[in-house]
N, C-alpha and C. Protein backbone atom coordinates (compact mmCIF):
# COMPACT_ATOMS: atom_id res chain seq x y z
N MET A 1 9.77 -32.32 27.62
CA MET A 1 8.79 -31.27 27.44
C MET A 1 9.47 -29.93 27.14
N LYS A 2 10.57 -29.64 27.88
CA LYS A 2 11.29 -28.39 27.66
C LYS A 2 11.90 -28.35 26.27
N LYS A 3 12.36 -29.51 25.79
CA LYS A 3 12.94 -29.56 24.45
C LYS A 3 11.90 -29.19 23.40
N ARG A 4 10.68 -29.67 23.58
CA ARG A 4 9.61 -29.36 22.62
C ARG A 4 9.28 -27.88 22.63
N ILE A 5 9.25 -27.28 23.80
CA ILE A 5 8.95 -25.85 23.88
C ILE A 5 10.05 -25.04 23.20
N PHE A 6 11.32 -25.37 23.48
CA PHE A 6 12.43 -24.68 22.83
C PHE A 6 12.40 -24.89 21.32
N LEU A 7 12.09 -26.10 20.89
CA LEU A 7 12.00 -26.40 19.46
C LEU A 7 10.89 -25.58 18.81
N LEU A 8 9.75 -25.50 19.47
CA LEU A 8 8.62 -24.73 18.96
C LEU A 8 8.98 -23.25 18.84
N PHE A 9 9.60 -22.67 19.88
CA PHE A 9 10.01 -21.27 19.83
C PHE A 9 11.08 -21.04 18.77
N GLY A 10 12.00 -21.98 18.63
CA GLY A 10 13.04 -21.87 17.61
C GLY A 10 12.45 -21.86 16.21
N LEU A 11 11.50 -22.76 15.97
CA LEU A 11 10.83 -22.83 14.67
C LEU A 11 10.05 -21.55 14.40
N LEU A 12 9.36 -21.05 15.40
CA LEU A 12 8.60 -19.82 15.26
C LEU A 12 9.54 -18.65 14.94
N PHE A 13 10.68 -18.58 15.60
CA PHE A 13 11.66 -17.52 15.35
C PHE A 13 12.16 -17.58 13.91
N VAL A 14 12.45 -18.77 13.42
CA VAL A 14 12.94 -18.94 12.04
C VAL A 14 11.89 -18.48 11.05
N VAL A 15 10.64 -18.85 11.27
CA VAL A 15 9.57 -18.48 10.35
C VAL A 15 9.39 -16.96 10.33
N ILE A 16 9.41 -16.34 11.50
CA ILE A 16 9.22 -14.90 11.57
C ILE A 16 10.40 -14.16 10.95
N SER A 17 11.60 -14.60 11.23
CA SER A 17 12.78 -13.89 10.74
C SER A 17 13.02 -14.10 9.25
N CYS A 18 12.38 -15.07 8.62
CA CYS A 18 12.58 -15.31 7.20
C CYS A 18 11.83 -14.32 6.32
N ASN A 19 10.88 -13.59 6.87
CA ASN A 19 10.12 -12.63 6.07
C ASN A 19 10.87 -11.31 5.98
N LYS A 20 12.04 -11.34 5.38
CA LYS A 20 12.85 -10.14 5.24
C LYS A 20 12.55 -9.43 3.93
N SER A 21 11.60 -9.91 3.17
CA SER A 21 11.31 -9.29 1.89
C SER A 21 10.57 -7.97 2.05
N GLU A 22 9.89 -7.77 3.17
CA GLU A 22 9.16 -6.53 3.38
C GLU A 22 10.12 -5.44 3.85
N VAL A 23 10.28 -4.41 3.03
CA VAL A 23 11.18 -3.31 3.31
C VAL A 23 10.46 -2.22 4.09
N TYR A 24 9.18 -2.00 3.75
CA TYR A 24 8.41 -0.91 4.36
C TYR A 24 6.94 -1.26 4.27
N SER A 25 6.21 -0.93 5.33
CA SER A 25 4.76 -1.11 5.31
C SER A 25 4.14 -0.14 6.30
N LYS A 26 3.22 0.66 5.80
CA LYS A 26 2.49 1.59 6.67
C LYS A 26 1.07 1.70 6.15
N PHE A 27 0.13 1.69 7.08
CA PHE A 27 -1.28 1.84 6.73
C PHE A 27 -1.88 2.92 7.60
N ASP A 28 -2.47 3.93 6.96
CA ASP A 28 -3.11 5.04 7.67
C ASP A 28 -4.61 4.78 7.72
N ASP A 29 -5.10 4.55 8.94
CA ASP A 29 -6.55 4.37 9.11
C ASP A 29 -7.26 5.65 8.74
N GLY A 30 -8.46 5.50 8.22
CA GLY A 30 -9.25 6.66 7.84
C GLY A 30 -9.81 7.39 9.05
N SER A 31 -10.57 8.40 8.77
CA SER A 31 -11.18 9.20 9.83
C SER A 31 -12.36 8.43 10.43
N PRO A 32 -12.86 8.85 11.58
CA PRO A 32 -14.03 8.17 12.17
C PRO A 32 -15.26 8.19 11.27
N GLU A 33 -15.32 9.18 10.36
CA GLU A 33 -16.45 9.27 9.43
C GLU A 33 -16.21 8.48 8.15
N ASN A 34 -15.08 7.74 8.08
CA ASN A 34 -14.70 6.99 6.88
C ASN A 34 -14.61 7.89 5.65
N ARG A 35 -13.89 9.00 5.83
CA ARG A 35 -13.69 9.95 4.74
C ARG A 35 -12.21 10.19 4.53
N TRP A 36 -11.82 10.30 3.27
CA TRP A 36 -10.47 10.72 2.94
C TRP A 36 -10.60 12.14 2.42
N GLU A 37 -10.24 13.09 3.26
CA GLU A 37 -10.38 14.51 2.94
C GLU A 37 -9.51 14.88 1.75
N GLN A 38 -9.98 15.81 0.94
CA GLN A 38 -9.25 16.27 -0.25
C GLN A 38 -7.88 16.82 0.13
N LYS A 39 -7.79 17.51 1.24
CA LYS A 39 -6.52 18.14 1.64
C LYS A 39 -5.60 17.19 2.40
N ASP A 40 -6.05 15.97 2.68
CA ASP A 40 -5.28 15.01 3.48
C ASP A 40 -4.39 14.15 2.59
N THR A 41 -3.21 14.69 2.25
CA THR A 41 -2.26 13.90 1.48
C THR A 41 -1.52 12.96 2.43
N LYS A 42 -1.15 11.82 1.94
CA LYS A 42 -0.43 10.82 2.73
C LYS A 42 1.01 10.79 2.23
N THR A 43 1.95 10.80 3.17
CA THR A 43 3.37 10.77 2.82
C THR A 43 4.01 9.53 3.41
N TYR A 44 4.75 8.82 2.58
CA TYR A 44 5.43 7.59 2.99
C TYR A 44 6.91 7.72 2.66
N ASP A 45 7.74 7.63 3.70
CA ASP A 45 9.19 7.71 3.57
C ASP A 45 9.80 6.35 3.87
N PHE A 46 10.66 5.87 2.99
CA PHE A 46 11.33 4.59 3.24
C PHE A 46 12.73 4.63 2.64
N THR A 47 13.56 3.71 3.10
CA THR A 47 14.95 3.65 2.67
C THR A 47 15.24 2.31 2.00
N ILE A 48 15.90 2.36 0.87
CA ILE A 48 16.37 1.17 0.19
C ILE A 48 17.85 1.01 0.51
N GLU A 49 18.21 -0.14 1.05
CA GLU A 49 19.60 -0.39 1.43
C GLU A 49 20.31 -1.36 0.50
N ASP A 50 19.55 -2.12 -0.28
CA ASP A 50 20.13 -3.12 -1.18
C ASP A 50 19.66 -2.84 -2.61
N ASP A 51 20.57 -2.34 -3.44
CA ASP A 51 20.18 -2.01 -4.81
C ASP A 51 20.42 -3.15 -5.80
N THR A 52 20.67 -4.35 -5.29
CA THR A 52 20.86 -5.51 -6.17
C THR A 52 19.55 -6.27 -6.37
N LYS A 53 18.52 -5.89 -5.64
CA LYS A 53 17.24 -6.60 -5.71
C LYS A 53 16.23 -5.83 -6.55
N LEU A 54 15.16 -6.54 -6.91
CA LEU A 54 14.01 -5.92 -7.56
C LEU A 54 12.94 -5.72 -6.50
N TYR A 55 12.08 -4.72 -6.71
CA TYR A 55 11.08 -4.38 -5.70
C TYR A 55 9.70 -4.22 -6.31
N ASN A 56 8.70 -4.48 -5.47
CA ASN A 56 7.31 -4.15 -5.77
C ASN A 56 6.89 -3.06 -4.80
N ILE A 57 6.21 -2.03 -5.32
CA ILE A 57 5.63 -0.98 -4.49
C ILE A 57 4.13 -1.09 -4.66
N THR A 58 3.43 -1.35 -3.56
CA THR A 58 1.99 -1.61 -3.60
C THR A 58 1.23 -0.54 -2.83
N PHE A 59 0.26 0.07 -3.49
CA PHE A 59 -0.66 1.01 -2.85
C PHE A 59 -1.82 0.21 -2.28
N ARG A 60 -2.15 0.47 -1.03
CA ARG A 60 -3.23 -0.26 -0.36
C ARG A 60 -4.40 0.68 -0.12
N PHE A 61 -5.60 0.24 -0.52
CA PHE A 61 -6.81 1.05 -0.39
C PHE A 61 -7.91 0.18 0.23
N SER A 62 -8.42 0.60 1.38
CA SER A 62 -9.50 -0.13 2.05
C SER A 62 -10.77 0.71 2.03
N HIS A 63 -11.86 0.04 1.71
CA HIS A 63 -13.13 0.76 1.58
C HIS A 63 -14.28 -0.10 2.08
N ILE A 64 -15.45 0.52 2.20
CA ILE A 64 -16.67 -0.16 2.59
C ILE A 64 -17.17 -0.99 1.41
N TYR A 65 -17.74 -2.17 1.72
CA TYR A 65 -18.28 -3.05 0.68
C TYR A 65 -19.37 -2.34 -0.13
N ASP A 66 -19.47 -2.68 -1.39
CA ASP A 66 -20.42 -2.11 -2.34
C ASP A 66 -20.16 -0.62 -2.51
N TYR A 67 -18.92 -0.31 -2.81
CA TYR A 67 -18.48 1.07 -2.99
C TYR A 67 -19.30 1.74 -4.09
N GLN A 68 -19.64 2.99 -3.91
CA GLN A 68 -20.53 3.67 -4.85
C GLN A 68 -19.87 4.09 -6.15
N PHE A 69 -18.54 4.00 -6.24
CA PHE A 69 -17.83 4.38 -7.46
C PHE A 69 -17.15 3.16 -8.07
N ASN A 70 -17.08 3.13 -9.39
CA ASN A 70 -16.38 2.05 -10.09
C ASN A 70 -14.88 2.26 -10.09
N SER A 71 -14.46 3.52 -10.03
CA SER A 71 -13.04 3.86 -9.99
C SER A 71 -12.87 5.22 -9.34
N ILE A 72 -11.64 5.48 -8.89
CA ILE A 72 -11.34 6.78 -8.30
C ILE A 72 -9.97 7.25 -8.78
N PRO A 73 -9.81 8.56 -9.00
CA PRO A 73 -8.52 9.08 -9.47
C PRO A 73 -7.56 9.26 -8.29
N ILE A 74 -6.36 8.68 -8.42
CA ILE A 74 -5.34 8.77 -7.37
C ILE A 74 -4.07 9.36 -7.98
N ASN A 75 -3.43 10.26 -7.25
CA ASN A 75 -2.18 10.90 -7.68
C ASN A 75 -1.04 10.44 -6.79
N PHE A 76 0.10 10.17 -7.41
CA PHE A 76 1.31 9.78 -6.69
C PHE A 76 2.45 10.70 -7.12
N THR A 77 3.23 11.14 -6.15
CA THR A 77 4.47 11.86 -6.42
C THR A 77 5.58 11.04 -5.77
N ILE A 78 6.51 10.57 -6.60
CA ILE A 78 7.60 9.73 -6.12
C ILE A 78 8.90 10.53 -6.23
N VAL A 79 9.58 10.69 -5.08
CA VAL A 79 10.85 11.40 -5.05
C VAL A 79 11.93 10.37 -4.74
N ASN A 80 12.91 10.23 -5.65
CA ASN A 80 13.98 9.24 -5.47
C ASN A 80 15.15 9.85 -4.70
N PRO A 81 16.15 9.05 -4.34
CA PRO A 81 17.28 9.56 -3.56
C PRO A 81 18.05 10.72 -4.22
N ASN A 82 17.99 10.83 -5.54
CA ASN A 82 18.68 11.92 -6.24
C ASN A 82 17.86 13.21 -6.25
N GLY A 83 16.64 13.16 -5.69
CA GLY A 83 15.77 14.33 -5.67
C GLY A 83 14.90 14.47 -6.89
N GLU A 84 15.01 13.52 -7.82
CA GLU A 84 14.18 13.56 -9.02
C GLU A 84 12.75 13.17 -8.66
N THR A 85 11.79 13.86 -9.27
CA THR A 85 10.38 13.65 -8.97
C THR A 85 9.67 13.05 -10.18
N GLN A 86 8.84 12.05 -9.89
CA GLN A 86 8.01 11.43 -10.93
C GLN A 86 6.56 11.54 -10.46
N ASN A 87 5.71 12.08 -11.31
CA ASN A 87 4.28 12.17 -11.00
C ASN A 87 3.54 11.10 -11.77
N LYS A 88 2.63 10.45 -11.08
CA LYS A 88 1.84 9.37 -11.68
C LYS A 88 0.38 9.56 -11.29
N GLN A 89 -0.51 9.49 -12.27
CA GLN A 89 -1.94 9.53 -12.00
C GLN A 89 -2.54 8.21 -12.49
N ILE A 90 -3.38 7.62 -11.64
CA ILE A 90 -4.06 6.39 -12.03
C ILE A 90 -5.55 6.54 -11.79
N ASP A 91 -6.30 5.72 -12.48
CA ASP A 91 -7.72 5.61 -12.23
C ASP A 91 -7.89 4.26 -11.53
N LEU A 92 -7.91 4.26 -10.20
CA LEU A 92 -7.94 3.03 -9.41
C LEU A 92 -9.29 2.33 -9.58
N GLN A 93 -9.25 1.17 -10.24
CA GLN A 93 -10.47 0.40 -10.48
C GLN A 93 -10.94 -0.25 -9.19
N ILE A 94 -12.17 0.01 -8.83
CA ILE A 94 -12.78 -0.57 -7.63
C ILE A 94 -13.63 -1.77 -8.00
N LYS A 95 -14.31 -1.68 -9.15
CA LYS A 95 -15.19 -2.75 -9.63
C LYS A 95 -14.82 -3.13 -11.06
N ASP A 96 -15.09 -4.39 -11.40
CA ASP A 96 -14.83 -4.83 -12.77
C ASP A 96 -15.98 -4.40 -13.68
N THR A 97 -15.93 -4.78 -14.94
CA THR A 97 -16.95 -4.34 -15.91
C THR A 97 -18.34 -4.88 -15.59
N ALA A 98 -18.40 -5.97 -14.82
CA ALA A 98 -19.69 -6.53 -14.42
C ALA A 98 -20.21 -5.89 -13.13
N GLY A 99 -19.44 -4.96 -12.55
CA GLY A 99 -19.87 -4.30 -11.32
C GLY A 99 -19.50 -5.03 -10.05
N LYS A 100 -18.64 -6.05 -10.16
CA LYS A 100 -18.22 -6.83 -9.00
C LYS A 100 -16.98 -6.21 -8.37
N GLU A 101 -16.93 -6.23 -7.03
CA GLU A 101 -15.78 -5.71 -6.30
C GLU A 101 -14.50 -6.42 -6.74
N ILE A 102 -13.43 -5.67 -6.98
CA ILE A 102 -12.13 -6.24 -7.32
C ILE A 102 -11.37 -6.60 -6.05
N ALA A 103 -11.61 -5.86 -5.00
CA ALA A 103 -10.90 -6.03 -3.73
C ALA A 103 -11.28 -7.35 -3.05
N GLU A 104 -10.42 -7.75 -2.11
CA GLU A 104 -10.75 -8.87 -1.24
C GLU A 104 -11.61 -8.34 -0.12
N CYS A 105 -12.82 -8.89 0.02
CA CYS A 105 -13.77 -8.38 1.00
C CYS A 105 -14.07 -9.42 2.06
N SER A 106 -14.23 -8.92 3.27
CA SER A 106 -14.63 -9.76 4.40
C SER A 106 -15.70 -8.98 5.13
N GLY A 107 -16.94 -9.44 4.99
CA GLY A 107 -18.04 -8.68 5.58
C GLY A 107 -18.20 -7.37 4.84
N ASP A 108 -18.19 -6.27 5.59
CA ASP A 108 -18.37 -4.94 5.00
C ASP A 108 -17.05 -4.25 4.68
N PHE A 109 -15.93 -4.92 4.86
CA PHE A 109 -14.62 -4.31 4.68
C PHE A 109 -13.90 -4.93 3.48
N CYS A 110 -13.35 -4.07 2.63
CA CYS A 110 -12.66 -4.53 1.43
C CYS A 110 -11.26 -3.94 1.36
N ASP A 111 -10.29 -4.76 0.97
CA ASP A 111 -8.90 -4.34 0.83
C ASP A 111 -8.46 -4.55 -0.61
N LEU A 112 -8.02 -3.47 -1.22
CA LEU A 112 -7.57 -3.50 -2.61
C LEU A 112 -6.09 -3.15 -2.65
N ASN A 113 -5.30 -4.00 -3.30
CA ASN A 113 -3.87 -3.77 -3.45
C ASN A 113 -3.57 -3.50 -4.92
N TYR A 114 -2.95 -2.34 -5.16
CA TYR A 114 -2.61 -1.93 -6.52
C TYR A 114 -1.09 -1.83 -6.64
N LYS A 115 -0.51 -2.56 -7.60
CA LYS A 115 0.94 -2.52 -7.81
C LYS A 115 1.30 -1.22 -8.53
N LEU A 116 1.81 -0.28 -7.77
CA LEU A 116 2.24 1.00 -8.32
C LEU A 116 3.49 0.81 -9.18
N GLU A 117 4.43 0.02 -8.70
CA GLU A 117 5.63 -0.36 -9.44
C GLU A 117 5.84 -1.85 -9.22
N GLU A 118 6.21 -2.55 -10.29
CA GLU A 118 6.40 -3.99 -10.19
C GLU A 118 7.74 -4.39 -10.80
N ASN A 119 8.49 -5.22 -10.07
CA ASN A 119 9.80 -5.70 -10.54
C ASN A 119 10.71 -4.54 -10.94
N VAL A 120 10.76 -3.53 -10.11
CA VAL A 120 11.54 -2.34 -10.43
C VAL A 120 12.85 -2.34 -9.63
N LYS A 121 13.90 -1.85 -10.26
CA LYS A 121 15.19 -1.72 -9.59
C LYS A 121 15.24 -0.34 -8.96
N LEU A 122 15.49 -0.30 -7.65
CA LEU A 122 15.58 0.96 -6.92
C LEU A 122 17.02 1.17 -6.45
N THR A 123 17.49 2.40 -6.57
CA THR A 123 18.83 2.72 -6.10
C THR A 123 18.81 2.89 -4.58
N LYS A 124 19.97 2.76 -3.98
CA LYS A 124 20.08 2.93 -2.53
C LYS A 124 19.73 4.36 -2.16
N GLY A 125 19.09 4.50 -0.98
CA GLY A 125 18.80 5.83 -0.48
C GLY A 125 17.37 5.99 0.00
N ASN A 126 17.03 7.23 0.29
CA ASN A 126 15.72 7.56 0.85
C ASN A 126 14.74 7.95 -0.25
N TYR A 127 13.55 7.39 -0.14
CA TYR A 127 12.45 7.66 -1.07
C TYR A 127 11.30 8.31 -0.32
N LYS A 128 10.54 9.10 -1.05
CA LYS A 128 9.31 9.66 -0.50
C LYS A 128 8.22 9.52 -1.54
N ILE A 129 7.08 8.98 -1.10
CA ILE A 129 5.92 8.86 -2.00
C ILE A 129 4.76 9.60 -1.33
N VAL A 130 4.22 10.58 -2.06
CA VAL A 130 3.09 11.36 -1.57
C VAL A 130 1.86 10.93 -2.37
N VAL A 131 0.78 10.62 -1.65
CA VAL A 131 -0.44 10.11 -2.27
C VAL A 131 -1.60 11.04 -1.95
N SER A 132 -2.38 11.35 -2.98
CA SER A 132 -3.60 12.14 -2.80
C SER A 132 -4.64 11.63 -3.77
N HIS A 133 -5.87 12.06 -3.57
CA HIS A 133 -6.91 11.68 -4.54
C HIS A 133 -7.38 12.93 -5.27
N ALA A 134 -7.94 12.73 -6.45
CA ALA A 134 -8.42 13.84 -7.26
C ALA A 134 -9.93 13.78 -7.42
N PHE A 135 -10.60 13.22 -6.42
CA PHE A 135 -12.06 13.15 -6.44
C PHE A 135 -12.63 14.56 -6.37
N GLN A 136 -13.64 14.82 -7.17
CA GLN A 136 -14.25 16.15 -7.20
C GLN A 136 -15.22 16.29 -6.03
N GLY A 137 -14.73 16.86 -4.96
CA GLY A 137 -15.53 17.07 -3.77
C GLY A 137 -14.60 17.28 -2.59
N PRO A 138 -15.15 17.67 -1.45
CA PRO A 138 -14.30 17.95 -0.29
C PRO A 138 -13.68 16.70 0.33
N TYR A 139 -14.28 15.55 0.05
CA TYR A 139 -13.74 14.29 0.58
C TYR A 139 -14.21 13.12 -0.27
N LEU A 140 -13.46 12.01 -0.16
CA LEU A 140 -13.82 10.76 -0.80
C LEU A 140 -14.52 9.91 0.26
N PRO A 141 -15.79 9.54 0.07
CA PRO A 141 -16.53 8.84 1.12
C PRO A 141 -16.21 7.34 1.20
N ASN A 142 -16.53 6.76 2.34
CA ASN A 142 -16.46 5.32 2.60
C ASN A 142 -15.06 4.72 2.45
N VAL A 143 -14.05 5.49 2.83
CA VAL A 143 -12.67 5.03 2.80
C VAL A 143 -12.26 4.65 4.22
N LEU A 144 -11.80 3.41 4.39
CA LEU A 144 -11.37 2.94 5.70
C LEU A 144 -9.91 3.26 5.97
N GLY A 145 -9.11 3.41 4.92
CA GLY A 145 -7.71 3.75 5.07
C GLY A 145 -6.94 3.51 3.80
N VAL A 146 -5.71 4.04 3.78
CA VAL A 146 -4.80 3.85 2.65
C VAL A 146 -3.41 3.58 3.21
N GLY A 147 -2.58 2.95 2.39
CA GLY A 147 -1.24 2.64 2.84
C GLY A 147 -0.31 2.31 1.70
N LEU A 148 0.92 1.98 2.06
CA LEU A 148 1.94 1.65 1.09
C LEU A 148 2.79 0.53 1.62
N LYS A 149 3.14 -0.39 0.73
CA LYS A 149 4.02 -1.50 1.10
C LYS A 149 5.10 -1.64 0.03
N VAL A 150 6.35 -1.82 0.49
CA VAL A 150 7.48 -2.01 -0.41
C VAL A 150 8.09 -3.36 -0.05
N GLU A 151 8.24 -4.24 -1.06
CA GLU A 151 8.79 -5.57 -0.85
C GLU A 151 9.90 -5.85 -1.84
N ALA A 152 10.95 -6.49 -1.32
CA ALA A 152 12.02 -6.98 -2.19
C ALA A 152 11.58 -8.34 -2.73
N ILE A 153 11.77 -8.56 -4.04
CA ILE A 153 11.31 -9.83 -4.61
C ILE A 153 12.44 -10.71 -5.10
N LYS A 154 13.63 -10.16 -5.35
CA LYS A 154 14.78 -10.97 -5.78
C LYS A 154 16.03 -10.45 -5.15
């Protein structure tokens, strides 16, 4: 019986420790009113230690089901280890042309993952990504949270 328990824990440890592809993951829950305030920029700092791999950088956006907008304008400022800044603006699609949610939804909660960078080579060092929205108004309604995930893929 003890052998089986040790074997089970050993297998569990191997499975957990094998997920080394995730370099960084942070999710900022929204406000109690489910609003993303115009002045509330999100900052994500992470470090790349292996510059021989390719990476995916994914923006995570969670919202209430049946979102009232088809898309929302999102701004990204990416600062690399050399201090160089890249600004990126996207129109984050929430619904397809038929009006159907693009996100994965469970009940009233939907999670949308947008690949900000895909299969990109990153140099070693510290990165900073600042995220804001350009919605015309004091806040973006029905937002449950936003986040960022960085994964090594090769």
